[in-house]
Amino acid sequence: MQHKPLLSLRTLWLAALLPVIGMGLLTGCGDDQPAQPTTEAPAFDPEGMGDASRTNTIKQIFYAAPSPMETAALVQRSGAQFEKKHMHPTASRTRYTTSDRQAVALGVYGADLSYATIFEENSVSLEYLTAVKELSKSLGISDVLNDEVMARAEANRGDREALVQVVSETFTSLNEALKENGMEDLSAMLVLGGWVEGVYLATQHVSQAPTELKARIAEQKLTLDDVMRLCRSYEPTPELKALLASMAPVEAAFAQVQVTEAEGFAEQSADGGFVVGGGDEITASDATLKAITTAIQNVRTQWVK
């Protein structure tokens, strides 16, 4: 399967930021090359990513296609039916009594919440919203997910773009709150848990999915590079080391996805907006997609048991 996305992950992120910071950033980011995945023991690089770079990387991860909301929307458009059985049961949240497991579970439940919301499963959404709030409280960051944020998400339930914005801002705020509380490694675990669950939900519908969804799963190779680079920039606690070691099979599976770097572009249109296109060519065989599906399912099962 070969796919050349209209919006690469990198240019999509730039498009979101261009109205705010102007065209100057486009040239500056053009030479940024994604880190290559590795199946070796994780190499931590605490000096390789500063606070500003971490914040931008988190934004890039959650703006990248597919976000949890966009993944759910693609699944819905494929004609697949909502399947609660694919979601992690909220009753399991009481099993997570250590901060590292709570952080991973918070990311998992956040992706599940997106899945339920896009399918307009309101009662299920409320159930998962409760789980997210309780885990946030256990981690001492309940003020981030306040009533105002929840009301904004509810008010924009039918607006995918607005919901992606809420998710991105919320996870950035959660990261900052954990850092302020001296728990930087937990922010990495939260991001990783949300990414794994989002890809897991997508792969559970891959047999009935259109080419578009399969292509978006393959594109996550680029986001995985960012996620792992972010996680390896934090202090390597034993818990974080173990979590990243368990990701080795996932990195190996995504390493089979072929990425051919190509120039993206962003041009100002006559109406004052921006047209973004071009980007990397992504090639993944059905065997590669199957390997990704198996690896993601195995690591997700290991984390939520």
C-alpha atoms as a PDB file:
ATOM      1  CA  MET A   1       0.000   0.000   0.000  1.00  0.00           C
ATOM      2  CA  GLN A   2       1.410   3.382  -1.002  1.00  0.00           C
ATOM      3  CA  HIS A   3      -0.052   6.631   0.202  1.00  0.00           C
ATOM      4  CA  LYS A   4       0.995  10.231  -0.287  1.00  0.00           C
ATOM      5  CA  PRO A   5      -1.007  12.243   2.239  1.00  0.00           C
ATOM      6  CA  LEU A   6      -2.305  15.690   1.319  1.00  0.00           C
ATOM      7  CA  LEU A   7      -1.100  16.842   4.720  1.00  0.00           C
ATOM      8  CA  SER A   8       2.046  15.303   6.181  1.00  0.00           C
ATOM      9  CA  LEU A   9       2.297  15.238   9.967  1.00  0.00           C
ATOM     10  CA  ARG A  10       4.880  18.003   9.932  1.00  0.00           C
ATOM     11  CA  THR A  11       3.047  20.322   7.531  1.00  0.00           C
ATOM     12  CA  LEU A  12      -0.280  19.744   9.288  1.00  0.00           C
ATOM     13  CA  TRP A  13       1.263  20.952  12.528  1.00  0.00           C
ATOM     14  CA  LEU A  14       2.739  23.993  10.805  1.00  0.00           C
ATOM     15  CA  ALA A  15      -0.618  24.827   9.245  1.00  0.00           C
ATOM     16  CA  ALA A  16      -2.192  24.983  12.686  1.00  0.00           C
ATOM     17  CA  LEU A  17       0.492  27.373  13.924  1.00  0.00           C
ATOM     18  CA  LEU A  18       0.965  29.588  10.848  1.00  0.00           C
ATOM     19  CA  PRO A  19      -1.861  32.069  11.579  1.00  0.00           C
ATOM     20  CA  VAL A  20      -0.249  32.798  14.941  1.00  0.00           C
ATOM     21  CA  ILE A  21       3.485  32.879  14.254  1.00  0.00           C
ATOM     22  CA  GLY A  22       3.656  33.658  10.523  1.00  0.00           C
ATOM     23  CA  MET A  23       5.572  32.149   7.667  1.00  0.00           C
ATOM     24  CA  GLY A  24       8.974  32.566   9.287  1.00  0.00           C
ATOM     25  CA  LEU A  25       8.705  29.282  11.204  1.00  0.00           C
ATOM     26  CA  LEU A  26       8.098  27.255   8.056  1.00  0.00           C
ATOM     27  CA  THR A  27      11.652  27.607   6.815  1.00  0.00           C
ATOM     28  CA  GLY A  28      13.101  27.047  10.270  1.00  0.00           C
ATOM     29  CA  CYS A  29      11.348  23.700  10.731  1.00  0.00           C
ATOM     30  CA  GLY A  30      11.931  22.421   7.226  1.00  0.00           C
ATOM     31  CA  ASP A  31      15.231  20.777   8.062  1.00  0.00           C
ATOM     32  CA  ASP A  32      13.987  18.918  11.140  1.00  0.00           C
ATOM     33  CA  GLN A  33      14.470  15.206  10.516  1.00  0.00           C
ATOM     34  CA  PRO A  34      12.486  12.671  12.561  1.00  0.00           C
ATOM     35  CA  ALA A  35      14.479  10.314  14.754  1.00  0.00           C
ATOM     36  CA  GLN A  36      14.663   6.743  13.503  1.00  0.00           C
ATOM     37  CA  PRO A  37      12.993   4.080  15.653  1.00  0.00           C
ATOM     38  CA  THR A  38      15.186   1.570  17.398  1.00  0.00           C
ATOM     39  CA  THR A  39      14.648  -1.891  18.782  1.00  0.00           C
ATOM     40  CA  GLU A  40      17.642  -1.612  21.092  1.00  0.00           C
ATOM     41  CA  ALA A  41      17.503  -0.669  24.755  1.00  0.00           C
ATOM     42  CA  PRO A  42      16.157   2.896  25.037  1.00  0.00           C
ATOM     43  CA  ALA A  43      18.845   5.566  24.923  1.00  0.00           C
ATOM     44  CA  PHE A  44      17.851   8.480  27.135  1.00  0.00           C
ATOM     45  CA  ASP A  45      18.933  11.968  26.163  1.00  0.00           C
ATOM     46  CA  PRO A  46      17.947  14.426  28.938  1.00  0.00           C
ATOM     47  CA  GLU A  47      19.897  17.245  27.275  1.00  0.00           C
ATOM     48  CA  GLY A  48      18.450  16.686  23.810  1.00  0.00           C
ATOM     49  CA  MET A  49      15.092  18.390  24.274  1.00  0.00           C
ATOM     50  CA  GLY A  50      14.372  21.547  26.251  1.00  0.00           C
ATOM     51  CA  ASP A  51      11.064  22.567  27.814  1.00  0.00           C
ATOM     52  CA  ALA A  52       9.931  24.568  24.772  1.00  0.00           C
ATOM     53  CA  SER A  53      10.795  21.715  22.431  1.00  0.00           C
ATOM     54  CA  ARG A  54       8.898  19.258  24.638  1.00  0.00           C
ATOM     55  CA  THR A  55       5.807  21.473  24.619  1.00  0.00           C
ATOM     56  CA  ASN A  56       5.911  21.816  20.827  1.00  0.00           C
ATOM     57  CA  THR A  57       6.448  18.065  20.419  1.00  0.00           C
ATOM     58  CA  ILE A  58       3.385  17.321  22.568  1.00  0.00           C
ATOM     59  CA  LYS A  59       1.333  19.708  20.428  1.00  0.00           C
ATOM     60  CA  GLN A  60       2.638  18.033  17.292  1.00  0.00           C
ATOM     61  CA  ILE A  61       1.699  14.587  18.595  1.00  0.00           C
ATOM     62  CA  PHE A  62      -1.879  15.587  19.318  1.00  0.00           C
ATOM     63  CA  TYR A  63      -2.378  17.623  16.146  1.00  0.00           C
ATOM     64  CA  ALA A  64      -0.934  14.839  13.995  1.00  0.00           C
ATOM     65  CA  ALA A  65      -3.261  12.704  11.904  1.00  0.00           C
ATOM     66  CA  PRO A  66      -4.873  10.788  13.288  1.00  0.00           C
ATOM     67  CA  SER A  67      -5.637  12.386  16.606  1.00  0.00           C
ATOM     68  CA  PRO A  68      -7.893  10.268  18.844  1.00  0.00           C
ATOM     69  CA  MET A  69     -10.846  12.291  17.544  1.00  0.00           C
ATOM     70  CA  GLU A  70      -9.867  11.960  13.892  1.00  0.00           C
ATOM     71  CA  THR A  71      -9.163   8.245  14.274  1.00  0.00           C
ATOM     72  CA  ALA A  72     -12.665   7.751  15.638  1.00  0.00           C
ATOM     73  CA  ALA A  73     -14.129   9.876  12.846  1.00  0.00           C
ATOM     74  CA  LEU A  74     -12.324   7.810  10.202  1.00  0.00           C
ATOM     75  CA  VAL A  75     -13.587   4.607  11.793  1.00  0.00           C
ATOM     76  CA  GLN A  76     -17.114   6.013  11.816  1.00  0.00           C
ATOM     77  CA  ARG A  77     -16.931   7.057   8.144  1.00  0.00           C
ATOM     78  CA  SER A  78     -15.740   3.575   7.200  1.00  0.00           C
ATOM     79  CA  GLY A  79     -19.180   2.260   8.148  1.00  0.00           C
ATOM     80  CA  ALA A  80     -17.893   0.426  11.214  1.00  0.00           C
ATOM     81  CA  GLN A  81     -20.097   0.337  14.272  1.00  0.00           C
ATOM     82  CA  PHE A  82     -19.168   1.618  17.707  1.00  0.00           C
ATOM     83  CA  GLU A  83     -17.802  -1.255  19.792  1.00  0.00           C
ATOM     84  CA  LYS A  84     -17.501  -0.602  23.487  1.00  0.00           C
ATOM     85  CA  LYS A  85     -15.756  -3.958  23.884  1.00  0.00           C
ATOM     86  CA  HIS A  86     -12.635  -2.419  22.332  1.00  0.00           C
ATOM     87  CA  MET A  87     -12.425   0.196  25.090  1.00  0.00           C
ATOM     88  CA  HIS A  88     -10.629  -0.333  28.368  1.00  0.00           C
ATOM     89  CA  PRO A  89     -13.291  -0.918  31.077  1.00  0.00           C
ATOM     90  CA  THR A  90     -13.597   2.022  33.466  1.00  0.00           C
ATOM     91  CA  ALA A  91     -14.048  -0.383  36.387  1.00  0.00           C
ATOM     92  CA  SER A  92     -10.375  -1.281  35.980  1.00  0.00           C
ATOM     93  CA  ARG A  93      -9.261   2.182  37.079  1.00  0.00           C
ATOM     94  CA  THR A  94      -9.252   1.122  40.738  1.00  0.00           C
ATOM     95  CA  ARG A  95      -6.462  -1.365  39.941  1.00  0.00           C
ATOM     96  CA  TYR A  96      -4.029   1.427  39.241  1.00  0.00           C
ATOM     97  CA  THR A  97      -2.602   2.432  42.604  1.00  0.00           C
ATOM     98  CA  THR A  98       0.850   3.690  41.608  1.00  0.00           C
ATOM     99  CA  SER A  99       1.418   7.015  39.896  1.00  0.00           C
ATOM    100  CA  ASP A 100       3.101   5.541  36.821  1.00  0.00           C
ATOM    101  CA  ARG A 101       0.217   3.157  36.115  1.00  0.00           C
ATOM    102  CA  GLN A 102      -2.299   5.930  36.781  1.00  0.00           C
ATOM    103  CA  ALA A 103      -0.556   8.172  34.245  1.00  0.00           C
ATOM    104  CA  VAL A 104      -0.630   5.490  31.544  1.00  0.00           C
ATOM    105  CA  ALA A 105      -4.273   4.707  32.317  1.00  0.00           C
ATOM    106  CA  LEU A 106      -5.147   8.414  32.113  1.00  0.00           C
ATOM    107  CA  GLY A 107      -3.794   8.506  28.571  1.00  0.00           C
ATOM    108  CA  VAL A 108      -5.682   5.319  27.687  1.00  0.00           C
ATOM    109  CA  TYR A 109      -8.990   6.578  29.044  1.00  0.00           C
ATOM    110  CA  GLY A 110      -8.497   9.911  27.298  1.00  0.00           C
ATOM    111  CA  ALA A 111      -8.317   8.149  23.923  1.00  0.00           C
ATOM    112  CA  ASP A 112     -11.330   5.999  24.814  1.00  0.00           C
ATOM    113  CA  LEU A 113     -13.262   9.138  25.722  1.00  0.00           C
ATOM    114  CA  SER A 114     -12.526  10.571  22.276  1.00  0.00           C
ATOM    115  CA  TYR A 115     -13.744   7.360  20.637  1.00  0.00           C
ATOM    116  CA  ALA A 116     -17.044   7.401  22.522  1.00  0.00           C
ATOM    117  CA  THR A 117     -17.601  11.114  21.971  1.00  0.00           C
ATOM    118  CA  ILE A 118     -17.164  11.067  18.196  1.00  0.00           C
ATOM    119  CA  PHE A 119     -19.742   8.280  17.978  1.00  0.00           C
ATOM    120  CA  GLU A 120     -22.061  10.419  20.141  1.00  0.00           C
ATOM    121  CA  GLU A 121     -22.314   7.704  22.774  1.00  0.00           C
ATOM    122  CA  ASN A 122     -23.172  10.250  25.445  1.00  0.00           C
ATOM    123  CA  SER A 123     -23.708   7.898  28.378  1.00  0.00           C
ATOM    124  CA  VAL A 124     -20.438   6.092  27.634  1.00  0.00           C
ATOM    125  CA  SER A 125     -18.658   9.431  27.284  1.00  0.00           C
ATOM    126  CA  LEU A 126     -19.864  10.477  30.717  1.00  0.00           C
ATOM    127  CA  GLU A 127     -18.615   7.195  32.176  1.00  0.00           C
ATOM    128  CA  TYR A 128     -15.127   7.713  30.730  1.00  0.00           C
ATOM    129  CA  LEU A 129     -15.093  11.375  31.650  1.00  0.00           C
ATOM    130  CA  THR A 130     -15.616  10.321  35.262  1.00  0.00           C
ATOM    131  CA  ALA A 131     -12.678   7.895  35.016  1.00  0.00           C
ATOM    132  CA  VAL A 132     -10.432  10.622  33.589  1.00  0.00           C
ATOM    133  CA  LYS A 133     -11.379  13.056  36.341  1.00  0.00           C
ATOM    134  CA  GLU A 134     -10.820  10.485  39.108  1.00  0.00           C
ATOM    135  CA  LEU A 135      -7.386   9.484  37.795  1.00  0.00           C
ATOM    136  CA  SER A 136      -6.445  13.157  37.466  1.00  0.00           C
ATOM    137  CA  LYS A 137      -7.454  13.677  41.072  1.00  0.00           C
ATOM    138  CA  SER A 138      -5.326  10.698  42.160  1.00  0.00           C
ATOM    139  CA  LEU A 139      -2.347  12.287  40.411  1.00  0.00           C
ATOM    140  CA  GLY A 140      -3.025  15.659  42.041  1.00  0.00           C
ATOM    141  CA  ILE A 141      -3.855  17.481  38.789  1.00  0.00           C
ATOM    142  CA  SER A 142      -7.649  17.574  38.909  1.00  0.00           C
ATOM    143  CA  ASP A 143      -7.664  21.356  38.475  1.00  0.00           C
ATOM    144  CA  VAL A 144      -6.588  20.965  34.830  1.00  0.00           C
ATOM    145  CA  LEU A 145      -9.768  19.092  33.909  1.00  0.00           C
ATOM    146  CA  ASN A 146     -12.083  21.631  35.489  1.00  0.00           C
ATOM    147  CA  ASP A 147     -15.740  22.281  34.758  1.00  0.00           C
ATOM    148  CA  GLU A 148     -14.915  24.950  32.182  1.00  0.00           C
ATOM    149  CA  VAL A 149     -12.803  22.556  30.105  1.00  0.00           C
ATOM    150  CA  MET A 150     -15.434  19.829  30.291  1.00  0.00           C
ATOM    151  CA  ALA A 151     -18.191  22.263  29.313  1.00  0.00           C
ATOM    152  CA  ARG A 152     -16.128  23.419  26.330  1.00  0.00           C
ATOM    153  CA  ALA A 153     -15.642  19.838  25.160  1.00  0.00           C
ATOM    154  CA  GLU A 154     -19.364  19.151  25.528  1.00  0.00           C
ATOM    155  CA  ALA A 155     -20.326  22.320  23.666  1.00  0.00           C
ATOM    156  CA  ASN A 156     -18.048  21.370  20.748  1.00  0.00           C
ATOM    157  CA  ARG A 157     -18.882  17.675  20.592  1.00  0.00           C
ATOM    158  CA  GLY A 158     -19.942  18.004  16.949  1.00  0.00           C
ATOM    159  CA  ASP A 159     -16.915  20.061  15.876  1.00  0.00           C
ATOM    160  CA  ARG A 160     -13.903  17.814  15.252  1.00  0.00           C
ATOM    161  CA  GLU A 161     -11.464  20.694  14.829  1.00  0.00           C
ATOM    162  CA  ALA A 162     -12.500  22.257  18.128  1.00  0.00           C
ATOM    163  CA  LEU A 163     -12.324  18.918  19.931  1.00  0.00           C
ATOM    164  CA  VAL A 164      -8.798  18.285  18.638  1.00  0.00           C
ATOM    165  CA  GLN A 165      -7.890  21.708  20.017  1.00  0.00           C
ATOM    166  CA  VAL A 166      -9.358  20.829  23.427  1.00  0.00           C
ATOM    167  CA  VAL A 167      -7.484  17.513  23.537  1.00  0.00           C
ATOM    168  CA  SER A 168      -4.189  19.137  22.558  1.00  0.00           C
ATOM    169  CA  GLU A 169      -4.506  21.965  25.081  1.00  0.00           C
ATOM    170  CA  THR A 170      -5.600  19.599  27.852  1.00  0.00           C
ATOM    171  CA  PHE A 171      -2.685  17.213  27.426  1.00  0.00           C
ATOM    172  CA  THR A 172      -0.242  20.119  27.204  1.00  0.00           C
ATOM    173  CA  SER A 173      -1.689  21.469  30.472  1.00  0.00           C
ATOM    174  CA  LEU A 174      -1.512  18.049  32.108  1.00  0.00           C
ATOM    175  CA  ASN A 175       2.134  17.814  31.100  1.00  0.00           C
ATOM    176  CA  GLU A 176       2.866  21.211  32.653  1.00  0.00           C
ATOM    177  CA  ALA A 177       0.976  20.329  35.839  1.00  0.00           C
ATOM    178  CA  LEU A 178       2.899  17.077  36.265  1.00  0.00           C
ATOM    179  CA  LYS A 179       6.178  18.878  35.656  1.00  0.00           C
ATOM    180  CA  GLU A 180       5.328  21.534  38.240  1.00  0.00           C
ATOM    181  CA  ASN A 181       4.646  18.733  40.712  1.00  0.00           C
ATOM    182  CA  GLY A 182       8.074  17.195  40.031  1.00  0.00           C
ATOM    183  CA  MET A 183       6.660  14.264  38.028  1.00  0.00           C
ATOM    184  CA  GLU A 184       8.014  14.876  34.522  1.00  0.00           C
ATOM    185  CA  ASP A 185       8.347  11.162  33.758  1.00  0.00           C
ATOM    186  CA  LEU A 186       4.612  10.737  34.318  1.00  0.00           C
ATOM    187  CA  SER A 187       3.808  13.243  31.581  1.00  0.00           C
ATOM    188  CA  ALA A 188       5.725  11.044  29.135  1.00  0.00           C
ATOM    189  CA  MET A 189       3.749   8.001  30.301  1.00  0.00           C
ATOM    190  CA  LEU A 190       0.463   9.852  29.818  1.00  0.00           C
ATOM    191  CA  VAL A 191       1.348  10.841  26.248  1.00  0.00           C
ATOM    192  CA  LEU A 192       2.508   7.321  25.422  1.00  0.00           C
ATOM    193  CA  GLY A 193      -0.607   5.700  26.909  1.00  0.00           C
ATOM    194  CA  GLY A 194      -2.902   7.949  24.861  1.00  0.00           C
ATOM    195  CA  TRP A 195      -1.000   7.310  21.646  1.00  0.00           C
ATOM    196  CA  VAL A 196      -1.009   3.526  22.053  1.00  0.00           C
ATOM    197  CA  GLU A 197      -4.743   3.404  22.830  1.00  0.00           C
ATOM    198  CA  GLY A 198      -5.610   5.633  19.862  1.00  0.00           C
ATOM    199  CA  VAL A 199      -3.692   3.406  17.443  1.00  0.00           C
ATOM    200  CA  TYR A 200      -5.113   0.293  19.126  1.00  0.00           C
ATOM    201  CA  LEU A 201      -8.704   1.473  18.567  1.00  0.00           C
ATOM    202  CA  ALA A 202      -7.928   2.185  14.913  1.00  0.00           C
ATOM    203  CA  THR A 203      -6.384  -1.239  14.342  1.00  0.00           C
ATOM    204  CA  GLN A 204      -9.409  -2.992  15.824  1.00  0.00           C
ATOM    205  CA  HIS A 205     -11.397  -1.757  12.819  1.00  0.00           C
ATOM    206  CA  VAL A 206      -8.709  -2.277  10.195  1.00  0.00           C
ATOM    207  CA  SER A 207     -10.408  -5.297   8.593  1.00  0.00           C
ATOM    208  CA  GLN A 208     -13.429  -3.155   7.744  1.00  0.00           C
ATOM    209  CA  ALA A 209     -11.512   0.075   7.227  1.00  0.00           C
ATOM    210  CA  PRO A 210     -11.095   2.111   4.044  1.00  0.00           C
ATOM    211  CA  THR A 211      -7.668   2.729   2.548  1.00  0.00           C
ATOM    212  CA  GLU A 212      -7.630   6.131   4.257  1.00  0.00           C
ATOM    213  CA  LEU A 213      -7.649   4.665   7.762  1.00  0.00           C
ATOM    214  CA  LYS A 214      -4.959   2.126   6.899  1.00  0.00           C
ATOM    215  CA  ALA A 215      -2.818   4.937   5.533  1.00  0.00           C
ATOM    216  CA  ARG A 216      -3.300   7.002   8.690  1.00  0.00           C
ATOM    217  CA  ILE A 217      -2.190   4.044  10.808  1.00  0.00           C
ATOM    218  CA  ALA A 218       0.963   3.731   8.703  1.00  0.00           C
ATOM    219  CA  GLU A 219       1.614   7.476   9.055  1.00  0.00           C
ATOM    220  CA  GLN A 220       1.827   7.038  12.809  1.00  0.00           C
ATOM    221  CA  LYS A 221       5.419   5.894  12.251  1.00  0.00           C
ATOM    222  CA  LEU A 222       6.333   9.597  12.234  1.00  0.00           C
ATOM    223  CA  THR A 223       4.345  10.369  15.366  1.00  0.00           C
ATOM    224  CA  LEU A 224       5.878   7.345  17.128  1.00  0.00           C
ATOM    225  CA  ASP A 225       9.317   8.800  16.452  1.00  0.00           C
ATOM    226  CA  ASP A 226       8.263  12.017  18.200  1.00  0.00           C
ATOM    227  CA  VAL A 227       6.614  10.169  21.105  1.00  0.00           C
ATOM    228  CA  MET A 228       9.683   8.036  21.810  1.00  0.00           C
ATOM    229  CA  ARG A 229      12.072  10.973  21.461  1.00  0.00           C
ATOM    230  CA  LEU A 230       9.933  12.931  23.931  1.00  0.00           C
ATOM    231  CA  CYS A 231       9.846  10.059  26.436  1.00  0.00           C
ATOM    232  CA  ARG A 232      13.592   9.484  26.220  1.00  0.00           C
ATOM    233  CA  SER A 233      14.263  13.120  27.025  1.00  0.00           C
ATOM    234  CA  TYR A 234      13.008  12.687  30.593  1.00  0.00           C
ATOM    235  CA  GLU A 235      14.907  11.354  33.599  1.00  0.00           C
ATOM    236  CA  PRO A 236      15.013   7.555  33.137  1.00  0.00           C
ATOM    237  CA  THR A 237      13.137   6.247  36.169  1.00  0.00           C
ATOM    238  CA  PRO A 238      12.867   2.444  36.475  1.00  0.00           C
ATOM    239  CA  GLU A 239       9.150   2.648  35.591  1.00  0.00           C
ATOM    240  CA  LEU A 240       9.752   4.727  32.463  1.00  0.00           C
ATOM    241  CA  LYS A 241      12.619   2.467  31.387  1.00  0.00           C
ATOM    242  CA  ALA A 242      10.376  -0.598  31.668  1.00  0.00           C
ATOM    243  CA  LEU A 243       7.571   1.107  29.756  1.00  0.00           C
ATOM    244  CA  LEU A 244       9.829   2.107  26.872  1.00  0.00           C
ATOM    245  CA  ALA A 245      11.481  -1.315  26.765  1.00  0.00           C
ATOM    246  CA  SER A 246       8.032  -2.847  26.246  1.00  0.00           C
ATOM    247  CA  MET A 247       7.609  -0.613  23.164  1.00  0.00           C
ATOM    248  CA  ALA A 248      10.456  -2.339  21.288  1.00  0.00           C
ATOM    249  CA  PRO A 249       8.123  -4.669  19.295  1.00  0.00           C
ATOM    250  CA  VAL A 250       5.954  -1.687  18.313  1.00  0.00           C
ATOM    251  CA  GLU A 251       8.992   0.228  17.080  1.00  0.00           C
ATOM    252  CA  ALA A 252      10.139  -2.853  15.155  1.00  0.00           C
ATOM    253  CA  ALA A 253       6.741  -3.201  13.473  1.00  0.00           C
ATOM    254  CA  PHE A 254       6.595   0.466  12.476  1.00  0.00           C
ATOM    255  CA  ALA A 255      10.191   0.274  11.219  1.00  0.00           C
ATOM    256  CA  GLN A 256       8.794  -1.781   8.316  1.00  0.00           C
ATOM    257  CA  VAL A 257       6.801   1.264   7.142  1.00  0.00           C
ATOM    258  CA  GLN A 258       8.699   3.003   4.357  1.00  0.00           C
ATOM    259  CA  VAL A 259       8.883   6.798   4.464  1.00  0.00           C
ATOM    260  CA  THR A 260      10.211   8.762   1.491  1.00  0.00           C
ATOM    261  CA  GLU A 261      10.902  12.342   2.501  1.00  0.00           C
ATOM    262  CA  ALA A 262       9.351  14.933   0.189  1.00  0.00           C
ATOM    263  CA  GLU A 263       8.937  18.686   0.326  1.00  0.00           C
ATOM    264  CA  GLY A 264       5.728  19.986   1.797  1.00  0.00           C
ATOM    265  CA  PHE A 265       4.450  23.430   0.982  1.00  0.00           C
ATOM    266  CA  ALA A 266       2.317  26.145   2.518  1.00  0.00           C
ATOM    267  CA  GLU A 267       1.072  28.931   0.276  1.00  0.00           C
ATOM    268  CA  GLN A 268      -1.147  31.883   1.055  1.00  0.00           C
ATOM    269  CA  SER A 269      -4.376  31.798  -0.931  1.00  0.00           C
ATOM    270  CA  ALA A 270      -6.213  34.763  -2.448  1.00  0.00           C
ATOM    271  CA  ASP A 271      -8.679  34.887   0.447  1.00  0.00           C
ATOM    272  CA  GLY A 272      -5.866  35.253   2.983  1.00  0.00           C
ATOM    273  CA  GLY A 273      -5.877  31.624   4.150  1.00  0.00           C
ATOM    274  CA  PHE A 274      -3.198  28.996   3.650  1.00  0.00           C
ATOM    275  CA  VAL A 275      -3.068  26.012   1.324  1.00  0.00           C
ATOM    276  CA  VAL A 276      -0.919  23.176   2.662  1.00  0.00           C
ATOM    277  CA  GLY A 277       0.070  20.132   0.639  1.00  0.00           C
ATOM    278  CA  GLY A 278       2.780  17.758  -0.462  1.00  0.00           C
ATOM    279  CA  GLY A 279       4.623  15.839   2.208  1.00  0.00           C
ATOM    280  CA  ASP A 280       6.107  12.424   2.821  1.00  0.00           C
ATOM    281  CA  GLU A 281       5.206   9.306   0.868  1.00  0.00           C
ATOM    282  CA  ILE A 282       4.181   6.446   3.173  1.00  0.00           C
ATOM    283  CA  THR A 283       4.390   2.812   2.030  1.00  0.00           C
ATOM    284  CA  ALA A 284       3.123  -0.114   4.113  1.00  0.00           C
ATOM    285  CA  SER A 285       2.169  -3.625   3.078  1.00  0.00           C
ATOM    286  CA  ASP A 286      -0.759  -5.556   4.517  1.00  0.00           C
ATOM    287  CA  ALA A 287       1.779  -7.739   6.339  1.00  0.00           C
ATOM    288  CA  THR A 288       3.272  -4.634   7.952  1.00  0.00           C
ATOM    289  CA  LEU A 289      -0.160  -3.414   9.052  1.00  0.00           C
ATOM    290  CA  LYS A 290      -0.833  -6.836  10.548  1.00  0.00           C
ATOM    291  CA  ALA A 291       2.473  -6.700  12.432  1.00  0.00           C
ATOM    292  CA  ILE A 292       1.588  -3.238  13.764  1.00  0.00           C
ATOM    293  CA  THR A 293      -1.845  -4.460  14.860  1.00  0.00           C
ATOM    294  CA  THR A 294      -0.351  -7.418  16.749  1.00  0.00           C
ATOM    295  CA  ALA A 295       2.418  -5.398  18.399  1.00  0.00           C
ATOM    296  CA  ILE A 296       0.063  -2.619  19.525  1.00  0.00           C
ATOM    297  CA  GLN A 297      -2.459  -5.098  20.908  1.00  0.00           C
ATOM    298  CA  ASN A 298       0.217  -6.982  22.844  1.00  0.00           C
ATOM    299  CA  VAL A 299       1.761  -3.913  24.470  1.00  0.00           C
ATOM    300  CA  ARG A 300      -1.662  -2.453  25.272  1.00  0.00           C
ATOM    301  CA  THR A 301      -2.747  -5.719  26.908  1.00  0.00           C
ATOM    302  CA  GLN A 302       0.458  -5.734  28.951  1.00  0.00           C
ATOM    303  CA  TRP A 303      -0.102  -2.182  30.190  1.00  0.00           C
ATOM    304  CA  VAL A 304      -3.760  -2.418  31.191  1.00  0.00           C
ATOM    305  CA  LYS A 305      -3.769  -5.860  32.789  1.00  0.00           C
END
